[in-house]
Amino acid sequence: MSAQNEFAAARLSIAEAGNILNVSLDTIRRWEKKGLVKAHRDKNKHRFFNFEELKRLKTKLSGENNIGFKILTSEQKTPFKVVELFAGAGGLALGLHNAGLGCEMLVEIDKNAATTLKINKPDWNVINSDIGNIDFSLVKAEVLSGGFPCQAFSYAGKRLGFEDTRGTLFFEYARAVKQIKPQIILAENVKGLEKHDNGRTLSTMLEILSELGYRLAYRILRAQYLDVAQKRERLVIIGVRNDLQTHIAFPREQDYTISIREALHNVPVSNGQNYTDRKKQIMQLVSEGGYWRDLPEEVRKKYMGASYYLSGGKTGMARRLSWDEPSLTLTCNPAQKQTERCHPAETRPLTIREYARIQSFPDSWQFHGSVGCQYKQIGNAVPVNLGYHIGRCIIAMLNNSFDEHNMVILSER
């Protein structure tokens, strides 16, 4: 085996990787910080890099080997049905559908989001209602999914368990679990749920779902390594009914990312927000990939106001995205001062269709309502391709047949 092949098979320190690739250590650190490549950890918590990942990234950044953006779909459809709560504009639902799962029912209280679902999938059973008004006792489905808002609970009477959460949207999710008794439950939320109220909120949720008859695991999934051109992280809980003899599986992160350049190739022209003349003048001073630190000192102070004197990086302010990286996490408003999402080359916010591409919605997926309402629907959605990867894991669990190359399979049954 040649020295090059020996390195390719090894776990490389940052110094070794720099020597082999002929790039500086600062370059590799910058790639890691930007989320373009993963730093792995061994059992001693030492950082190392995979040679093939670094080599692939270097080639990609040279323009020689782009993975290319695509919306993932499976030709194999299954008989398994999903009930989804808090369905929004359909990012998770469409991803699960693309993976091969069928739709039994979707519940969404927002009228515009529910209309979005009905326009795009008229054959789906969309219920535009407050979830508290729905009786699930006669509903049959193998899977229950949903992204309920995170709310703290009272711990004074924690011994009451399920009843303690009454009045919260988690209670409604748990009530649906109790009434439907699906084989698999899926819940997704913001990364911050893991540490919400010092971890007590998540702990209580897991305890209650366990009491309802499920064994559970959760992971924070990074969309940028799962075919989404966006550095978006979501906490995903998967539960298996205790009588189902199967493993729990989560998507395995890929060794590549999708850049904004790839995602926005030939994107359709569409509506979007505009900057005021003053805002445009300020943003024109920010280079690709830059943010408020690119501004002249006096402009910076005036633009940022009181935020200028606060601690923290404030990296979302006056932020222009970079062509060769995944996007920062999309928010409900691309022109919002604290979470700017300016186009990499043009001095304007991302448009509706650009937003949708970065969330891996197909160009045919239409959003109902005002421009502001459409941004909100897209910004709140689960990326479709992330939903696809989760869906493939759920199907594997239901079939008890796993793809170890693309899944992290937990040993407990």
Protein backbone atom coordinates (compact mmCIF):
# COMPACT_ATOMS: atom_id res chain seq x y z
CA MET A 1 0.00 0.00 0.00
CA SER A 2 1.39 3.41 -0.96
CA ALA A 3 1.94 6.15 1.59
CA GLN A 4 -0.95 8.11 0.05
CA ASN A 5 -3.29 5.13 0.41
CA GLU A 6 -2.15 4.56 3.97
CA PHE A 7 -3.09 8.14 4.80
CA ALA A 8 -6.40 7.76 2.97
CA ALA A 9 -7.30 4.84 5.21
CA ALA A 10 -6.18 6.57 8.40
CA ARG A 11 -7.71 9.03 10.81
CA LEU A 12 -5.72 12.16 10.17
CA SER A 13 -4.84 14.88 12.60
CA ILE A 14 -5.32 18.40 11.30
CA ALA A 15 -1.57 18.70 10.72
CA GLU A 16 -1.40 15.43 8.76
CA ALA A 17 -4.43 16.42 6.68
CA GLY A 18 -2.88 19.79 5.86
CA ASN A 19 0.36 18.17 4.73
CA ILE A 20 -1.32 15.61 2.47
CA LEU A 21 -3.71 18.11 0.89
CA ASN A 22 -1.16 20.90 0.75
CA VAL A 23 -3.47 23.37 2.48
CA SER A 24 -2.90 25.34 5.65
CA LEU A 25 -4.20 24.35 9.06
CA ASP A 26 -6.19 27.58 9.10
CA THR A 27 -7.89 26.52 5.87
CA ILE A 28 -9.04 23.22 7.38
CA ARG A 29 -10.16 24.98 10.55
CA ARG A 30 -12.14 27.42 8.40
CA TRP A 31 -13.75 24.54 6.48
CA GLU A 32 -14.79 22.95 9.77
CA LYS A 33 -16.09 26.22 11.25
CA LYS A 34 -18.18 26.87 8.14
CA GLY A 35 -19.67 23.40 8.37
CA LEU A 36 -18.18 22.23 5.08
CA VAL A 37 -16.45 19.23 6.64
CA LYS A 38 -16.89 17.30 9.87
CA ALA A 39 -14.29 16.90 12.58
CA HIS A 40 -14.64 13.44 14.10
CA ARG A 41 -13.78 12.51 17.68
CA ASP A 42 -12.16 9.33 18.93
CA LYS A 43 -12.83 7.75 22.32
CA ASN A 44 -10.30 10.10 23.90
CA LYS A 45 -12.10 13.13 22.42
CA HIS A 46 -9.18 13.85 20.08
CA ARG A 47 -10.18 15.54 16.84
CA PHE A 48 -9.41 13.86 13.53
CA PHE A 49 -10.46 14.19 9.90
CA ASN A 50 -11.37 11.68 7.22
CA PHE A 51 -8.96 12.00 4.32
CA GLU A 52 -11.53 11.17 1.63
CA GLU A 53 -13.93 13.81 2.98
CA LEU A 54 -11.22 16.47 2.89
CA LYS A 55 -10.07 15.43 -0.56
CA ARG A 56 -13.64 15.48 -1.88
CA LEU A 57 -14.23 18.93 -0.40
CA LYS A 58 -11.03 20.36 -1.88
CA THR A 59 -12.00 19.01 -5.30
CA LYS A 60 -15.52 20.37 -4.93
CA LEU A 61 -14.33 23.86 -3.95
CA SER A 62 -12.15 23.89 -7.07
CA GLY A 63 -15.36 23.44 -9.11
CA GLU A 64 -14.42 19.98 -10.37
CA ASN A 65 -16.85 17.78 -8.48
CA ASN A 66 -20.16 19.22 -7.32
CA ILE A 67 -22.59 16.66 -5.86
CA GLY A 68 -25.54 18.60 -7.28
CA PHE A 69 -28.86 19.51 -5.71
CA LYS A 70 -31.78 17.14 -6.05
CA ILE A 71 -35.00 16.39 -4.22
CA LEU A 72 -34.76 12.84 -2.98
CA THR A 73 -37.57 10.43 -3.80
CA SER A 74 -38.05 6.68 -3.66
CA GLU A 75 -39.91 4.73 -6.32
CA GLN A 76 -40.85 2.11 -3.73
CA LYS A 77 -44.10 2.98 -1.98
CA THR A 78 -45.20 1.22 1.18
CA PRO A 79 -48.61 0.45 2.70
CA PHE A 80 -47.63 2.29 5.89
CA LYS A 81 -49.68 5.38 6.77
CA VAL A 82 -48.75 8.55 8.66
CA VAL A 83 -50.80 10.94 10.78
CA GLU A 84 -48.98 14.25 11.07
CA LEU A 85 -49.82 16.93 13.62
CA PHE A 86 -48.76 20.60 13.35
CA ALA A 87 -48.10 19.91 9.66
CA GLY A 88 -47.31 23.49 8.58
CA ALA A 89 -46.57 23.90 4.87
CA GLY A 90 -45.70 20.22 4.47
CA GLY A 91 -41.91 19.93 4.58
CA LEU A 92 -41.86 16.88 6.83
CA ALA A 93 -45.01 15.39 5.31
CA LEU A 94 -43.63 15.69 1.78
CA GLY A 95 -40.30 14.21 2.84
CA LEU A 96 -42.01 11.20 4.43
CA HIS A 97 -44.19 10.87 1.33
CA ASN A 98 -41.12 10.98 -0.94
CA ALA A 99 -39.55 8.24 1.19
CA GLY A 100 -42.51 5.96 0.45
CA LEU A 101 -44.95 6.52 3.33
CA GLY A 102 -48.63 7.24 2.75
CA CYS A 103 -50.65 10.07 4.26
CA GLU A 104 -53.62 9.21 6.47
CA MET A 105 -54.26 12.65 8.00
CA LEU A 106 -52.58 16.02 8.45
CA VAL A 107 -53.66 18.51 11.12
CA GLU A 108 -52.77 22.20 10.83
CA ILE A 109 -54.47 25.12 12.58
CA ASP A 110 -53.07 27.91 10.36
CA LYS A 111 -55.45 28.55 7.48
CA ASN A 112 -52.80 29.61 4.96
CA ALA A 113 -50.55 26.64 5.68
CA ALA A 114 -53.51 24.26 5.48
CA THR A 115 -54.45 25.79 2.13
CA THR A 116 -50.88 25.28 0.94
CA LEU A 117 -51.22 21.57 1.74
CA LYS A 118 -54.59 21.29 -0.01
CA ILE A 119 -53.36 23.10 -3.15
CA ASN A 120 -50.33 20.87 -3.59
CA LYS A 121 -51.81 17.55 -2.46
CA PRO A 122 -55.58 17.63 -3.01
CA ASP A 123 -55.75 13.89 -2.27
CA TRP A 124 -54.31 14.34 1.23
CA ASN A 125 -56.73 14.42 4.15
CA VAL A 126 -55.94 17.88 5.55
CA ILE A 127 -57.79 18.96 8.70
CA ASN A 128 -57.65 22.74 9.27
CA SER A 129 -58.55 22.79 12.96
CA ASP A 130 -57.33 23.25 16.51
CA ILE A 131 -55.84 19.87 17.44
CA GLY A 132 -57.69 19.98 20.75
CA ASN A 133 -60.98 19.55 18.87
CA ILE A 134 -59.99 16.28 17.19
CA ASP A 135 -60.81 12.79 18.48
CA PHE A 136 -58.13 10.35 17.30
CA SER A 137 -59.65 7.23 18.87
CA LEU A 138 -60.89 5.86 15.53
CA VAL A 139 -57.82 6.85 13.50
CA LYS A 140 -55.55 4.04 12.30
CA ALA A 141 -51.94 4.60 11.21
CA GLU A 142 -48.55 2.97 11.66
CA VAL A 143 -46.77 6.29 12.22
CA LEU A 144 -47.57 9.47 14.14
CA SER A 145 -45.36 12.49 13.47
CA GLY A 146 -45.34 16.12 14.47
CA GLY A 147 -43.29 19.11 15.54
CA PHE A 148 -45.07 20.44 18.60
CA PRO A 149 -43.98 23.81 20.05
CA CYS A 150 -41.76 23.47 23.13
CA GLN A 151 -43.37 24.58 26.38
CA ALA A 152 -42.16 24.24 29.95
CA PHE A 153 -44.26 22.25 32.37
CA SER A 154 -45.05 22.58 36.05
CA TYR A 155 -42.96 20.16 38.06
CA ALA A 156 -44.79 20.67 41.34
CA GLY A 157 -47.05 17.73 40.50
CA LYS A 158 -44.75 15.83 38.19
CA ARG A 159 -45.97 12.54 39.64
CA LEU A 160 -49.17 13.07 37.62
CA GLY A 161 -47.18 12.50 34.42
CA PHE A 162 -49.34 12.76 31.30
CA GLU A 163 -52.03 14.82 33.04
CA ASP A 164 -49.40 17.35 34.15
CA THR A 165 -48.92 18.51 30.56
CA ARG A 166 -52.60 19.35 30.01
CA GLY A 167 -52.97 22.76 28.39
CA THR A 168 -49.78 22.40 26.34
CA LEU A 169 -49.46 21.29 22.74
CA PHE A 170 -47.25 18.42 23.84
CA PHE A 171 -50.27 17.11 25.76
CA GLU A 172 -52.24 17.06 22.49
CA TYR A 173 -49.41 15.19 20.77
CA ALA A 174 -49.26 12.68 23.64
CA ARG A 175 -53.06 12.34 23.60
CA ALA A 176 -52.89 11.41 19.91
CA VAL A 177 -50.20 8.83 20.72
CA LYS A 178 -52.43 7.38 23.46
CA GLN A 179 -55.50 7.18 21.21
CA ILE A 180 -53.89 6.02 17.94
CA LYS A 181 -51.24 3.72 19.46
CA PRO A 182 -49.05 3.83 16.32
CA GLN A 183 -46.11 1.47 15.92
CA ILE A 184 -43.68 4.37 15.42
CA ILE A 185 -43.79 7.90 16.81
CA LEU A 186 -41.72 10.78 15.46
CA ALA A 187 -41.36 14.21 17.03
CA GLU A 188 -39.09 17.02 15.89
CA ASN A 189 -38.23 20.34 17.46
CA VAL A 190 -35.58 23.00 17.70
CA LYS A 191 -32.11 22.00 18.88
CA GLY A 192 -32.63 24.13 21.99
CA LEU A 193 -35.23 21.71 23.35
CA GLU A 194 -32.37 19.50 24.55
CA LYS A 195 -31.34 22.15 27.11
CA HIS A 196 -34.69 23.85 27.65
CA ASP A 197 -35.26 24.44 31.36
CA ASN A 198 -31.94 22.67 32.07
CA GLY A 199 -33.12 19.59 30.18
CA ARG A 200 -36.19 19.04 32.34
CA THR A 201 -38.69 19.70 29.54
CA LEU A 202 -37.23 17.06 27.24
CA SER A 203 -36.78 14.63 30.12
CA THR A 204 -40.45 14.95 31.04
CA MET A 205 -41.55 14.46 27.45
CA LEU A 206 -39.49 11.29 27.10
CA GLU A 207 -40.75 9.99 30.44
CA ILE A 208 -44.38 10.52 29.49
CA LEU A 209 -44.00 8.91 26.06
CA SER A 210 -42.25 5.99 27.73
CA GLU A 211 -45.20 5.62 30.13
CA LEU A 212 -47.48 5.44 27.07
CA GLY A 213 -45.66 2.29 25.97
CA TYR A 214 -42.69 3.35 23.83
CA ARG A 215 -38.94 2.97 23.97
CA LEU A 216 -37.28 6.13 22.74
CA ALA A 217 -34.12 7.76 21.51
CA TYR A 218 -33.31 11.21 20.23
CA ARG A 219 -30.62 12.78 18.09
CA ILE A 220 -29.78 16.27 16.85
CA LEU A 221 -29.72 15.96 13.06
CA ARG A 222 -27.65 18.38 10.98
CA ALA A 223 -29.46 19.01 7.71
CA GLN A 224 -26.33 20.22 5.92
CA TYR A 225 -25.02 16.63 5.93
CA LEU A 226 -28.35 15.21 4.77
CA ASP A 227 -28.76 16.68 1.27
CA VAL A 228 -30.01 20.10 2.39
CA ALA A 229 -28.18 23.30 1.41
CA GLN A 230 -28.63 24.74 4.88
CA LYS A 231 -26.93 24.64 8.28
CA ARG A 232 -30.12 23.73 10.08
CA GLU A 233 -30.21 21.52 13.17
CA ARG A 234 -33.32 19.79 14.50
CA LEU A 235 -33.83 17.60 17.53
CA VAL A 236 -35.59 14.41 16.43
CA ILE A 237 -37.24 11.93 18.81
CA ILE A 238 -38.13 8.47 17.53
CA GLY A 239 -40.16 6.00 19.55
CA VAL A 240 -41.02 2.35 18.93
CA ARG A 241 -44.03 0.70 20.54
CA ASN A 242 -42.81 -1.80 23.10
CA ASP A 243 -44.33 -4.81 21.37
CA LEU A 244 -42.57 -4.10 18.06
CA GLN A 245 -39.35 -6.11 17.76
CA THR A 246 -37.12 -3.79 15.78
CA HIS A 247 -34.23 -1.38 16.21
CA ILE A 248 -34.40 2.42 16.30
CA ALA A 249 -32.53 4.02 13.41
CA PHE A 250 -31.48 7.58 12.59
CA PRO A 251 -30.10 8.94 9.31
CA ARG A 252 -26.33 8.64 8.99
CA GLU A 253 -24.67 11.94 8.03
CA GLN A 254 -23.24 12.02 4.53
CA ASP A 255 -19.64 13.07 3.84
CA TYR A 256 -20.58 16.01 1.62
CA THR A 257 -22.58 19.22 1.75
CA ILE A 258 -24.73 21.03 -0.83
CA SER A 259 -23.75 24.63 -1.54
CA ILE A 260 -26.09 27.54 -2.20
CA ARG A 261 -24.64 27.70 -5.72
CA GLU A 262 -25.79 24.13 -6.37
CA ALA A 263 -29.19 24.60 -4.76
CA LEU A 264 -30.03 27.83 -6.59
CA HIS A 265 -28.92 26.71 -10.06
CA ASN A 266 -31.70 27.68 -12.52
CA VAL A 267 -34.05 28.63 -9.68
CA PRO A 268 -37.32 30.14 -11.01
CA VAL A 269 -37.83 33.90 -10.70
CA SER A 270 -40.31 34.75 -7.95
CA ASN A 271 -41.53 37.40 -5.54
CA GLY A 272 -39.60 38.41 -2.49
CA GLN A 273 -38.97 41.17 -0.01
CA ASN A 274 -36.95 44.27 -0.89
CA TYR A 275 -34.56 46.42 1.07
CA THR A 276 -35.17 50.08 1.67
CA ASP A 277 -32.76 52.33 -0.22
CA ARG A 278 -30.76 52.95 2.97
CA LYS A 279 -30.59 49.26 3.84
CA LYS A 280 -29.44 48.44 0.30
CA GLN A 281 -26.66 51.02 0.55
CA ILE A 282 -25.45 49.37 3.75
CA MET A 283 -25.65 45.81 2.44
CA GLN A 284 -23.72 46.74 -0.69
CA LEU A 285 -20.72 47.30 1.59
CA VAL A 286 -20.77 43.67 2.77
CA SER A 287 -18.77 41.18 0.73
CA GLU A 288 -19.83 37.60 -0.05
CA GLY A 289 -19.85 35.55 3.15
CA GLY A 290 -19.39 38.68 5.25
CA TYR A 291 -21.43 40.42 7.92
CA TRP A 292 -21.52 43.57 10.06
CA ARG A 293 -17.77 43.60 10.66
CA ASP A 294 -17.34 44.46 6.96
CA LEU A 295 -19.01 47.82 7.53
CA PRO A 296 -17.06 51.01 8.23
CA GLU A 297 -17.00 51.79 11.94
CA GLU A 298 -19.41 54.72 11.88
CA VAL A 299 -21.87 52.94 9.58
CA ARG A 300 -21.64 49.86 11.79
CA LYS A 301 -22.48 51.78 14.97
CA LYS A 302 -25.43 53.59 13.40
CA TYR A 303 -26.85 50.47 11.74
CA MET A 304 -26.55 48.19 14.74
CA GLY A 305 -27.66 50.66 17.37
CA ALA A 306 -27.66 49.23 20.91
CA SER A 307 -26.68 45.78 19.57
CA TYR A 308 -23.22 47.13 18.76
CA TYR A 309 -22.39 47.32 22.44
CA LEU A 310 -23.71 43.87 23.38
CA SER A 311 -21.46 40.85 23.77
CA GLY A 312 -21.66 37.90 21.38
CA GLY A 313 -20.82 37.49 17.72
CA LYS A 314 -24.06 38.95 16.31
CA THR A 315 -23.08 37.12 13.10
CA GLY A 316 -26.59 37.25 11.68
CA MET A 317 -26.58 41.04 11.37
CA ALA A 318 -25.93 42.48 7.90
CA ARG A 319 -25.12 38.94 6.77
CA ARG A 320 -24.49 38.09 3.13
CA LEU A 321 -24.47 34.39 2.30
CA SER A 322 -21.65 32.58 0.51
CA TRP A 323 -22.03 30.76 -2.83
CA ASP A 324 -19.81 27.83 -1.86
CA GLU A 325 -21.36 27.04 1.53
CA PRO A 326 -24.74 25.81 2.71
CA SER A 327 -27.01 28.64 3.80
CA LEU A 328 -27.33 29.69 7.40
CA THR A 329 -30.58 28.49 8.99
CA LEU A 330 -33.51 30.16 7.25
CA THR A 331 -35.77 32.22 9.46
CA CYS A 332 -39.31 33.52 8.96
CA ASN A 333 -38.02 36.80 7.51
CA PRO A 334 -34.87 37.05 5.31
CA ALA A 335 -34.59 40.83 5.83
CA GLN A 336 -34.88 40.76 9.61
CA LYS A 337 -32.08 42.80 11.13
CA GLN A 338 -30.81 40.18 13.57
CA THR A 339 -30.94 37.28 11.10
CA GLU A 340 -30.12 38.75 7.69
CA ARG A 341 -30.15 36.37 4.71
CA CYS A 342 -28.83 38.42 1.79
CA HIS A 343 -28.24 36.85 -1.61
CA PRO A 344 -24.54 35.99 -2.20
CA ALA A 345 -24.13 38.21 -5.27
CA GLU A 346 -27.17 40.48 -5.56
CA THR A 347 -27.97 43.02 -2.86
CA ARG A 348 -31.42 41.78 -1.89
CA PRO A 349 -33.04 39.23 0.42
CA LEU A 350 -33.51 35.70 -0.87
CA THR A 351 -36.75 35.27 -2.83
CA ILE A 352 -39.60 32.87 -2.08
CA ARG A 353 -38.39 30.25 -4.57
CA GLU A 354 -34.80 30.58 -3.37
CA TYR A 355 -36.02 30.04 0.18
CA ALA A 356 -37.98 26.99 -0.96
CA ARG A 357 -35.00 25.51 -2.84
CA ILE A 358 -32.77 25.87 0.21
CA GLN A 359 -35.46 24.02 2.22
CA SER A 360 -35.47 21.38 -0.59
CA PHE A 361 -39.08 22.00 -1.63
CA PRO A 362 -39.72 21.23 -5.31
CA ASP A 363 -40.29 24.21 -7.60
CA SER A 364 -43.85 22.97 -8.17
CA TRP A 365 -44.74 23.34 -4.46
CA GLN A 366 -46.81 26.51 -4.16
CA PHE A 367 -47.29 28.51 -0.96
CA HIS A 368 -50.56 30.28 -0.16
CA GLY A 369 -50.88 33.73 1.36
CA SER A 370 -48.98 37.01 1.38
CA VAL A 371 -45.24 37.15 0.70
CA GLY A 372 -44.59 37.50 4.42
CA CYS A 373 -46.84 34.53 5.16
CA GLN A 374 -45.04 32.41 2.54
CA TYR A 375 -41.63 33.21 4.04
CA LYS A 376 -42.98 32.20 7.44
CA GLN A 377 -44.32 28.88 6.16
CA ILE A 378 -41.04 28.02 4.46
CA GLY A 379 -38.85 29.22 7.32
CA ASN A 380 -40.78 27.12 9.84
CA ALA A 381 -40.73 23.96 7.74
CA VAL A 382 -38.66 20.82 8.16
CA PRO A 383 -36.41 20.54 5.08
CA VAL A 384 -37.99 18.06 2.69
CA ASN A 385 -34.81 16.05 2.12
CA LEU A 386 -34.26 15.77 5.87
CA GLY A 387 -37.80 14.37 6.12
CA TYR A 388 -36.93 11.89 3.36
CA HIS A 389 -33.93 10.53 5.26
CA ILE A 390 -36.01 10.20 8.45
CA GLY A 391 -38.75 8.48 6.44
CA ARG A 392 -36.36 5.87 5.06
CA CYS A 393 -35.33 5.06 8.63
CA ILE A 394 -38.96 4.69 9.71
CA ILE A 395 -39.68 2.33 6.82
CA ALA A 396 -36.60 0.28 7.73
CA MET A 397 -37.85 0.05 11.31
CA LEU A 398 -41.32 -1.06 10.22
CA ASN A 399 -39.84 -3.67 7.86
CA ASN A 400 -37.07 -4.60 10.31
CA SER A 401 -34.62 -4.32 7.41
CA PHE A 402 -31.85 -1.73 7.70
CA ASP A 403 -29.32 -0.02 5.46
CA GLU A 404 -26.21 0.28 7.64
CA HIS A 405 -24.47 2.50 5.08
CA ASN A 406 -27.11 5.24 5.41
CA MET A 407 -28.43 4.67 8.91
CA VAL A 408 -27.19 4.72 12.49
CA ILE A 409 -28.84 1.67 14.02
CA LEU A 410 -29.24 1.53 17.79
CA SER A 411 -28.71 -1.90 19.30
CA GLU A 412 -31.64 -1.94 21.73
CA ARG A 413 -34.78 -3.72 20.58
